[in-house]
């Protein structure tokens, strides 16, 4: 399973990465993005993963803004502290 982590706090992103690998070592983290704009660019140029783990509040706004500029048909799990 390919997962994209969208989280602007690096400690939280690393904790998610560790938890996922402990749960299933075959999980592939395809990237870790920090902002709305970075995520929009990624979604518009790369193959979408099987699942998104997405923080609600990112460094440059709320993650919901991503979907005004890009779309996906893949599942999204919203995360927050």
Protein backbone atom coordinates (compact mmCIF):
# COMPACT_ATOMS: atom_id res chain seq x y z
CA UNK A 1 0.00 0.00 0.00
CA UNK A 2 1.31 3.44 -0.96
CA UNK A 3 0.61 6.25 1.52
CA UNK A 4 1.29 9.98 1.26
CA UNK A 5 1.70 11.88 4.53
CA UNK A 6 0.75 15.55 4.48
CA UNK A 7 1.92 17.06 7.76
CA UNK A 8 3.83 20.27 8.50
CA UNK A 9 5.20 19.18 11.88
CA UNK A 10 8.16 16.91 11.20
CA UNK A 11 7.97 15.15 14.57
CA UNK A 12 4.32 14.25 13.95
CA UNK A 13 5.12 13.10 10.41
CA UNK A 14 7.95 10.90 11.66
CA UNK A 15 5.71 9.43 14.37
CA UNK A 16 3.10 8.55 11.72
CA UNK A 17 5.81 6.96 9.60
CA UNK A 18 7.02 4.84 12.52
CA UNK A 19 3.51 3.76 13.53
CA UNK A 20 2.65 2.75 9.97
CA UNK A 21 5.82 0.68 9.56
CA UNK A 22 5.24 -1.01 12.93
CA UNK A 23 1.70 -1.86 11.85
CA UNK A 24 2.70 -3.20 8.43
CA UNK A 25 6.28 -3.21 7.20
CA UNK A 26 5.13 -3.51 3.57
CA UNK A 27 3.58 -0.01 3.64
CA UNK A 28 5.37 2.35 1.28
CA UNK A 29 5.48 6.02 2.30
CA UNK A 30 5.68 7.77 -1.08
CA UNK A 31 6.33 11.22 0.40
CA UNK A 32 5.84 13.66 3.21
CA UNK A 33 4.58 17.10 2.23
CA UNK A 34 4.25 20.19 4.42
CA UNK A 35 1.97 22.67 2.66
CA UNK A 36 -1.15 23.20 0.60
CA UNK A 37 0.81 24.45 -2.41
CA UNK A 38 3.35 21.62 -2.26
CA UNK A 39 0.52 19.08 -2.09
CA UNK A 40 -1.39 20.63 -5.00
CA UNK A 41 1.75 20.52 -7.14
CA UNK A 42 2.35 16.89 -6.15
CA UNK A 43 -1.24 15.84 -6.90
CA UNK A 44 -1.18 17.51 -10.30
CA UNK A 45 2.04 15.81 -11.41
CA UNK A 46 2.34 12.40 -9.75
CA UNK A 47 0.45 9.14 -9.47
CA UNK A 48 -1.87 9.25 -6.48
CA UNK A 49 -1.17 6.89 -3.58
CA UNK A 50 -3.65 4.37 -2.19
CA UNK A 51 -4.27 6.49 0.91
CA UNK A 52 -3.62 10.02 2.18
CA UNK A 53 -2.92 10.91 5.81
CA UNK A 54 -3.55 14.64 5.94
CA UNK A 55 -3.14 17.14 8.76
CA UNK A 56 -5.98 19.66 8.83
CA UNK A 57 -3.88 22.76 9.50
CA UNK A 58 -0.76 23.07 7.33
CA UNK A 59 1.98 25.69 7.20
CA UNK A 60 0.18 27.77 4.55
CA UNK A 61 -3.49 27.12 5.33
CA UNK A 62 -6.10 24.42 5.81
CA UNK A 63 -5.78 21.19 3.90
CA UNK A 64 -9.35 21.56 2.62
CA UNK A 65 -7.98 24.28 0.30
CA UNK A 66 -6.08 21.58 -1.59
CA UNK A 67 -9.30 20.31 -3.13
CA UNK A 68 -10.12 23.66 -4.70
CA UNK A 69 -7.05 23.20 -6.92
CA UNK A 70 -6.67 19.43 -7.25
CA UNK A 71 -8.81 16.33 -6.87
CA UNK A 72 -8.40 12.68 -6.03
CA UNK A 73 -10.59 9.62 -5.84
CA UNK A 74 -8.43 8.00 -3.14
CA UNK A 75 -9.36 7.75 0.56
CA UNK A 76 -8.20 10.51 2.93
CA UNK A 77 -7.75 10.25 6.67
CA UNK A 78 -7.60 13.68 8.30
CA UNK A 79 -5.28 13.98 11.26
CA UNK A 80 -4.66 16.67 13.84
CA UNK A 81 -2.86 17.08 17.15
